[in-house]
Amino acid sequence: MTKYNTRKQDNVEIYKLNIEDQKLLTAQFEIKGIPTLVYMENGKIVAKKLGVKSVEQLENYEKVYFSK
């Protein structure tokens, strides 16, 4: 995520959630496995991706969900 974070669009924000410490959010977002990426726009979930992703995959998802 560090490498991706330096390359992402300015309008994309990344947050890390510890599922052990944040059980309410884990339930709210229906996190079933880790890692899980939750893509949101205007407070609504637009997609969820489960599993480890490459920087290239993350950039592709960014284009799909958050193109300028």
PDB file of N, CA and C in Angstrom:
ATOM      1  N   MET A   1       0.811  -1.192   0.000  1.00  0.00           N
ATOM      2  CA  MET A   1       0.000   0.000   0.000  1.00  0.00           C
ATOM      3  C   MET A   1       0.854   1.254   0.000  1.00  0.00           C
ATOM      4  N   THR A   2       2.022   1.190   0.579  1.00  0.00           N
ATOM      5  CA  THR A   2       2.886   2.369   0.634  1.00  0.00           C
ATOM      6  C   THR A   2       3.259   2.822  -0.769  1.00  0.00           C
ATOM      7  N   LYS A   3       3.641   1.891  -1.627  1.00  0.00           N
ATOM      8  CA  LYS A   3       4.014   2.239  -3.003  1.00  0.00           C
ATOM      9  C   LYS A   3       2.812   2.797  -3.749  1.00  0.00           C
ATOM     10  N   TYR A   4       1.666   2.171  -3.589  1.00  0.00           N
ATOM     11  CA  TYR A   4       0.448   2.659  -4.236  1.00  0.00           C
ATOM     12  C   TYR A   4       0.073   4.040  -3.720  1.00  0.00           C
ATOM     13  N   ASN A   5       0.196   4.258  -2.423  1.00  0.00           N
ATOM     14  CA  ASN A   5      -0.178   5.527  -1.813  1.00  0.00           C
ATOM     15  C   ASN A   5       0.570   6.701  -2.439  1.00  0.00           C
ATOM     16  N   THR A   6       1.791   6.495  -2.873  1.00  0.00           N
ATOM     17  CA  THR A   6       2.567   7.574  -3.484  1.00  0.00           C
ATOM     18  C   THR A   6       2.162   7.812  -4.934  1.00  0.00           C
ATOM     19  N   ARG A   7       1.420   6.893  -5.537  1.00  0.00           N
ATOM     20  CA  ARG A   7       1.058   6.995  -6.955  1.00  0.00           C
ATOM     21  C   ARG A   7      -0.421   7.262  -7.194  1.00  0.00           C
ATOM     22  N   LYS A   8      -1.235   7.217  -6.168  1.00  0.00           N
ATOM     23  CA  LYS A   8      -2.680   7.331  -6.328  1.00  0.00           C
ATOM     24  C   LYS A   8      -3.113   8.755  -6.670  1.00  0.00           C
ATOM     25  N   GLN A   9      -4.351   8.878  -7.162  1.00  0.00           N
ATOM     26  CA  GLN A   9      -4.931  10.184  -7.428  1.00  0.00           C
ATOM     27  C   GLN A   9      -5.125  10.937  -6.113  1.00  0.00           C
ATOM     28  N   ASP A  10      -5.117  12.248  -6.193  1.00  0.00           N
ATOM     29  CA  ASP A  10      -5.288  13.073  -4.996  1.00  0.00           C
ATOM     30  C   ASP A  10      -6.659  12.888  -4.342  1.00  0.00           C
ATOM     31  N   ASN A  11      -7.677  12.548  -5.134  1.00  0.00           N
ATOM     32  CA  ASN A  11      -9.028  12.419  -4.580  1.00  0.00           C
ATOM     33  C   ASN A  11      -9.290  11.040  -3.969  1.00  0.00           C
ATOM     34  N   VAL A  12      -8.287  10.171  -3.922  1.00  0.00           N
ATOM     35  CA  VAL A  12      -8.411   8.838  -3.336  1.00  0.00           C
ATOM     36  C   VAL A  12      -7.714   8.834  -1.981  1.00  0.00           C
ATOM     37  N   GLU A  13      -8.437   8.388  -0.957  1.00  0.00           N
ATOM     38  CA  GLU A  13      -7.872   8.304   0.390  1.00  0.00           C
ATOM     39  C   GLU A  13      -7.810   6.846   0.829  1.00  0.00           C
ATOM     40  N   ILE A  14      -6.792   6.512   1.618  1.00  0.00           N
ATOM     41  CA  ILE A  14      -6.593   5.153   2.105  1.00  0.00           C
ATOM     42  C   ILE A  14      -6.631   5.169   3.626  1.00  0.00           C
ATOM     43  N   TYR A  15      -7.410   4.244   4.190  1.00  0.00           N
ATOM     44  CA  TYR A  15      -7.486   4.090   5.634  1.00  0.00           C
ATOM     45  C   TYR A  15      -7.245   2.628   5.968  1.00  0.00           C
ATOM     46  N   LYS A  16      -6.540   2.392   7.051  1.00  0.00           N
ATOM     47  CA  LYS A  16      -6.277   1.034   7.516  1.00  0.00           C
ATOM     48  C   LYS A  16      -7.103   0.793   8.772  1.00  0.00           C
ATOM     49  N   LEU A  17      -7.747  -0.359   8.829  1.00  0.00           N
ATOM     50  CA  LEU A  17      -8.623  -0.697   9.934  1.00  0.00           C
ATOM     51  C   LEU A  17      -8.142  -1.987  10.591  1.00  0.00           C
ATOM     52  N   ASN A  18      -7.991  -1.960  11.897  1.00  0.00           N
ATOM     53  CA  ASN A  18      -7.661  -3.167  12.650  1.00  0.00           C
ATOM     54  C   ASN A  18      -8.978  -3.823  13.043  1.00  0.00           C
ATOM     55  N   ILE A  19      -9.272  -4.993  12.463  1.00  0.00           N
ATOM     56  CA  ILE A  19     -10.578  -5.612  12.688  1.00  0.00           C
ATOM     57  C   ILE A  19     -10.780  -6.064  14.130  1.00  0.00           C
ATOM     58  N   GLU A  20      -9.697  -6.299  14.842  1.00  0.00           N
ATOM     59  CA  GLU A  20      -9.823  -6.688  16.254  1.00  0.00           C
ATOM     60  C   GLU A  20     -10.227  -5.502  17.122  1.00  0.00           C
ATOM     61  N   ASP A  21      -9.758  -4.319  16.773  1.00  0.00           N
ATOM     62  CA  ASP A  21     -10.056  -3.118  17.550  1.00  0.00           C
ATOM     63  C   ASP A  21     -11.341  -2.426  17.110  1.00  0.00           C
ATOM     64  N   GLN A  22     -11.764  -2.662  15.891  1.00  0.00           N
ATOM     65  CA  GLN A  22     -12.912  -1.952  15.307  1.00  0.00           C
ATOM     66  C   GLN A  22     -14.006  -2.932  14.880  1.00  0.00           C
ATOM     67  N   LYS A  23     -14.520  -3.667  15.825  1.00  0.00           N
ATOM     68  CA  LYS A  23     -15.504  -4.715  15.514  1.00  0.00           C
ATOM     69  C   LYS A  23     -16.803  -4.160  14.934  1.00  0.00           C
ATOM     70  N   LEU A  24     -17.230  -2.984  15.364  1.00  0.00           N
ATOM     71  CA  LEU A  24     -18.457  -2.404  14.817  1.00  0.00           C
ATOM     72  C   LEU A  24     -18.297  -2.056  13.336  1.00  0.00           C
ATOM     73  N   LEU A  25     -17.182  -1.432  12.986  1.00  0.00           N
ATOM     74  CA  LEU A  25     -16.944  -1.116  11.573  1.00  0.00           C
ATOM     75  C   LEU A  25     -16.768  -2.381  10.745  1.00  0.00           C
ATOM     76  N   THR A  26     -16.109  -3.381  11.325  1.00  0.00           N
ATOM     77  CA  THR A  26     -15.934  -4.652  10.633  1.00  0.00           C
ATOM     78  C   THR A  26     -17.302  -5.253  10.294  1.00  0.00           C
ATOM     79  N   ALA A  27     -18.214  -5.211  11.216  1.00  0.00           N
ATOM     80  CA  ALA A  27     -19.567  -5.717  10.983  1.00  0.00           C
ATOM     81  C   ALA A  27     -20.328  -4.834   9.998  1.00  0.00           C
ATOM     82  N   GLN A  28     -20.208  -3.524  10.169  1.00  0.00           N
ATOM     83  CA  GLN A  28     -20.919  -2.583   9.295  1.00  0.00           C
ATOM     84  C   GLN A  28     -20.521  -2.771   7.841  1.00  0.00           C
ATOM     85  N   PHE A  29     -19.233  -2.982   7.584  1.00  0.00           N
ATOM     86  CA  PHE A  29     -18.748  -3.151   6.216  1.00  0.00           C
ATOM     87  C   PHE A  29     -18.738  -4.612   5.778  1.00  0.00           C
ATOM     88  N   GLU A  30     -19.233  -5.493   6.648  1.00  0.00           N
ATOM     89  CA  GLU A  30     -19.334  -6.925   6.353  1.00  0.00           C
ATOM     90  C   GLU A  30     -18.005  -7.512   5.894  1.00  0.00           C
ATOM     91  N   ILE A  31     -16.963  -7.223   6.661  1.00  0.00           N
ATOM     92  CA  ILE A  31     -15.635  -7.743   6.366  1.00  0.00           C
ATOM     93  C   ILE A  31     -15.603  -9.218   6.753  1.00  0.00           C
ATOM     94  N   LYS A  32     -15.355 -10.091   5.777  1.00  0.00           N
ATOM     95  CA  LYS A  32     -15.355 -11.534   6.002  1.00  0.00           C
ATOM     96  C   LYS A  32     -13.954 -12.130   5.991  1.00  0.00           C
ATOM     97  N   GLY A  33     -12.997 -11.408   5.445  1.00  0.00           N
ATOM     98  CA  GLY A  33     -11.626 -11.892   5.374  1.00  0.00           C
ATOM     99  C   GLY A  33     -10.674 -10.723   5.269  1.00  0.00           C
ATOM    100  N   ILE A  34      -9.389 -11.009   5.432  1.00  0.00           N
ATOM    101  CA  ILE A  34      -8.398  -9.947   5.326  1.00  0.00           C
ATOM    102  C   ILE A  34      -7.297 -10.374   4.360  1.00  0.00           C
ATOM    103  N   PRO A  35      -6.775  -9.440   3.610  1.00  0.00           N
ATOM    104  CA  PRO A  35      -7.187  -8.037   3.538  1.00  0.00           C
ATOM    105  C   PRO A  35      -8.449  -7.865   2.690  1.00  0.00           C
ATOM    106  N   THR A  36      -9.231  -6.863   3.022  1.00  0.00           N
ATOM    107  CA  THR A  36     -10.403  -6.474   2.249  1.00  0.00           C
ATOM    108  C   THR A  36     -10.278  -4.999   1.920  1.00  0.00           C
ATOM    109  N   LEU A  37     -10.485  -4.669   0.667  1.00  0.00           N
ATOM    110  CA  LEU A  37     -10.506  -3.276   0.227  1.00  0.00           C
ATOM    111  C   LEU A  37     -11.960  -2.880   0.030  1.00  0.00           C
ATOM    112  N   VAL A  38     -12.354  -1.770   0.624  1.00  0.00           N
ATOM    113  CA  VAL A  38     -13.709  -1.259   0.473  1.00  0.00           C
ATOM    114  C   VAL A  38     -13.602   0.068  -0.273  1.00  0.00           C
ATOM    115  N   TYR A  39     -14.220   0.119  -1.428  1.00  0.00           N
ATOM    116  CA  TYR A  39     -14.213   1.343  -2.228  1.00  0.00           C
ATOM    117  C   TYR A  39     -15.516   2.077  -1.977  1.00  0.00           C
ATOM    118  N   MET A  40     -15.379   3.343  -1.557  1.00  0.00           N
ATOM    119  CA  MET A  40     -16.551   4.145  -1.223  1.00  0.00           C
ATOM    120  C   MET A  40     -16.526   5.462  -1.990  1.00  0.00           C
ATOM    121  N   GLU A  41     -17.725   5.927  -2.293  1.00  0.00           N
ATOM    122  CA  GLU A  41     -17.864   7.243  -2.905  1.00  0.00           C
ATOM    123  C   GLU A  41     -19.095   7.897  -2.303  1.00  0.00           C
ATOM    124  N   ASN A  42     -18.933   9.102  -1.807  1.00  0.00           N
ATOM    125  CA  ASN A  42     -20.020   9.850  -1.172  1.00  0.00           C
ATOM    126  C   ASN A  42     -20.676   9.047  -0.053  1.00  0.00           C
ATOM    127  N   GLY A  43     -19.856   8.329   0.726  1.00  0.00           N
ATOM    128  CA  GLY A  43     -20.355   7.590   1.877  1.00  0.00           C
ATOM    129  C   GLY A  43     -21.009   6.254   1.561  1.00  0.00           C
ATOM    130  N   LYS A  44     -21.016   5.851   0.294  1.00  0.00           N
ATOM    131  CA  LYS A  44     -21.639   4.585  -0.092  1.00  0.00           C
ATOM    132  C   LYS A  44     -20.599   3.641  -0.670  1.00  0.00           C
ATOM    133  N   ILE A  45     -20.744   2.356  -0.341  1.00  0.00           N
ATOM    134  CA  ILE A  45     -19.827   1.348  -0.870  1.00  0.00           C
ATOM    135  C   ILE A  45     -20.124   1.138  -2.349  1.00  0.00           C
ATOM    136  N   VAL A  46     -19.084   1.264  -3.180  1.00  0.00           N
ATOM    137  CA  VAL A  46     -19.239   1.020  -4.608  1.00  0.00           C
ATOM    138  C   VAL A  46     -18.630  -0.320  -5.023  1.00  0.00           C
ATOM    139  N   ALA A  47     -17.737  -0.864  -4.195  1.00  0.00           N
ATOM    140  CA  ALA A  47     -17.139  -2.172  -4.496  1.00  0.00           C
ATOM    141  C   ALA A  47     -16.351  -2.657  -3.293  1.00  0.00           C
ATOM    142  N   LYS A  48     -16.158  -3.973  -3.253  1.00  0.00           N
ATOM    143  CA  LYS A  48     -15.287  -4.608  -2.257  1.00  0.00           C
ATOM    144  C   LYS A  48     -14.406  -5.607  -2.981  1.00  0.00           C
ATOM    145  N   LYS A  49     -13.144  -5.667  -2.589  1.00  0.00           N
ATOM    146  CA  LYS A  49     -12.187  -6.613  -3.164  1.00  0.00           C
ATOM    147  C   LYS A  49     -11.493  -7.327  -2.017  1.00  0.00           C
ATOM    148  N   LEU A  50     -11.439  -8.635  -2.097  1.00  0.00           N
ATOM    149  CA  LEU A  50     -10.831  -9.453  -1.056  1.00  0.00           C
ATOM    150  C   LEU A  50      -9.511 -10.016  -1.556  1.00  0.00           C
ATOM    151  N   GLY A  51      -8.497  -9.987  -0.707  1.00  0.00           N
ATOM    152  CA  GLY A  51      -7.208 -10.581  -1.046  1.00  0.00           C
ATOM    153  C   GLY A  51      -6.141  -9.558  -1.373  1.00  0.00           C
ATOM    154  N   VAL A  52      -4.917 -10.042  -1.421  1.00  0.00           N
ATOM    155  CA  VAL A  52      -3.762  -9.193  -1.721  1.00  0.00           C
ATOM    156  C   VAL A  52      -3.821  -8.769  -3.187  1.00  0.00           C
ATOM    157  N   LYS A  53      -3.552  -7.506  -3.447  1.00  0.00           N
ATOM    158  CA  LYS A  53      -3.590  -6.950  -4.801  1.00  0.00           C
ATOM    159  C   LYS A  53      -2.261  -6.289  -5.126  1.00  0.00           C
ATOM    160  N   SER A  54      -1.885  -6.334  -6.395  1.00  0.00           N
ATOM    161  CA  SER A  54      -0.668  -5.662  -6.850  1.00  0.00           C
ATOM    162  C   SER A  54      -0.946  -4.168  -7.004  1.00  0.00           C
ATOM    163  N   VAL A  55       0.110  -3.389  -7.097  1.00  0.00           N
ATOM    164  CA  VAL A  55      -0.037  -1.949  -7.324  1.00  0.00           C
ATOM    165  C   VAL A  55      -0.793  -1.712  -8.631  1.00  0.00           C
ATOM    166  N   GLU A  56      -0.500  -2.500  -9.634  1.00  0.00           N
ATOM    167  CA  GLU A  56      -1.166  -2.354 -10.933  1.00  0.00           C
ATOM    168  C   GLU A  56      -2.664  -2.625 -10.813  1.00  0.00           C
ATOM    169  N   GLN A  57      -3.037  -3.636 -10.038  1.00  0.00           N
ATOM    170  CA  GLN A  57      -4.456  -3.919  -9.828  1.00  0.00           C
ATOM    171  C   GLN A  57      -5.132  -2.766  -9.098  1.00  0.00           C
ATOM    172  N   LEU A  58      -4.479  -2.226  -8.079  1.00  0.00           N
ATOM    173  CA  LEU A  58      -5.042  -1.101  -7.334  1.00  0.00           C
ATOM    174  C   LEU A  58      -5.226   0.109  -8.243  1.00  0.00           C
ATOM    175  N   GLU A  59      -4.262   0.362  -9.103  1.00  0.00           N
ATOM    176  CA  GLU A  59      -4.379   1.488 -10.037  1.00  0.00           C
ATOM    177  C   GLU A  59      -5.528   1.266 -11.013  1.00  0.00           C
ATOM    178  N   ASN A  60      -5.719   0.024 -11.451  1.00  0.00           N
ATOM    179  CA  ASN A  60      -6.824  -0.281 -12.352  1.00  0.00           C
ATOM    180  C   ASN A  60      -8.171  -0.069 -11.656  1.00  0.00           C
ATOM    181  N   TYR A  61      -8.297  -0.541 -10.418  1.00  0.00           N
ATOM    182  CA  TYR A  61      -9.537  -0.319  -9.666  1.00  0.00           C
ATOM    183  C   TYR A  61      -9.803   1.169  -9.499  1.00  0.00           C
ATOM    184  N   GLU A  62      -8.757   1.925  -9.254  1.00  0.00           N
ATOM    185  CA  GLU A  62      -8.891   3.374  -9.098  1.00  0.00           C
ATOM    186  C   GLU A  62      -9.479   3.981 -10.364  1.00  0.00           C
ATOM    187  N   LYS A  63      -8.985   3.557 -11.513  1.00  0.00           N
ATOM    188  CA  LYS A  63      -9.507   4.071 -12.787  1.00  0.00           C
ATOM    189  C   LYS A  63     -10.967   3.699 -12.967  1.00  0.00           C
ATOM    190  N   VAL A  64     -11.313   2.475 -12.611  1.00  0.00           N
ATOM    191  CA  VAL A  64     -12.686   1.999 -12.778  1.00  0.00           C
ATOM    192  C   VAL A  64     -13.645   2.747 -11.860  1.00  0.00           C
ATOM    193  N   TYR A  65     -13.283   2.897 -10.588  1.00  0.00           N
ATOM    194  CA  TYR A  65     -14.199   3.444  -9.600  1.00  0.00           C
ATOM    195  C   TYR A  65     -14.083   4.942  -9.380  1.00  0.00           C
ATOM    196  N   PHE A  66     -12.918   5.538  -9.665  1.00  0.00           N
ATOM    197  CA  PHE A  66     -12.704   6.940  -9.319  1.00  0.00           C
ATOM    198  C   PHE A  66     -12.069   7.753 -10.435  1.00  0.00           C
ATOM    199  N   SER A  67     -12.347   7.428 -11.670  1.00  0.00           N
ATOM    200  CA  SER A  67     -11.737   8.194 -12.750  1.00  0.00           C
ATOM    201  C   SER A  67     -12.214   9.631 -12.700  1.00  0.00           C
ATOM    202  N   LYS A  68     -11.288  10.515 -12.999  1.00  0.00           N
ATOM    203  CA  LYS A  68     -11.567  11.963 -12.907  1.00  0.00           C
ATOM    204  C   LYS A  68     -12.490  12.401 -14.011  1.00  0.00           C
TER     205      LYS A  68
END
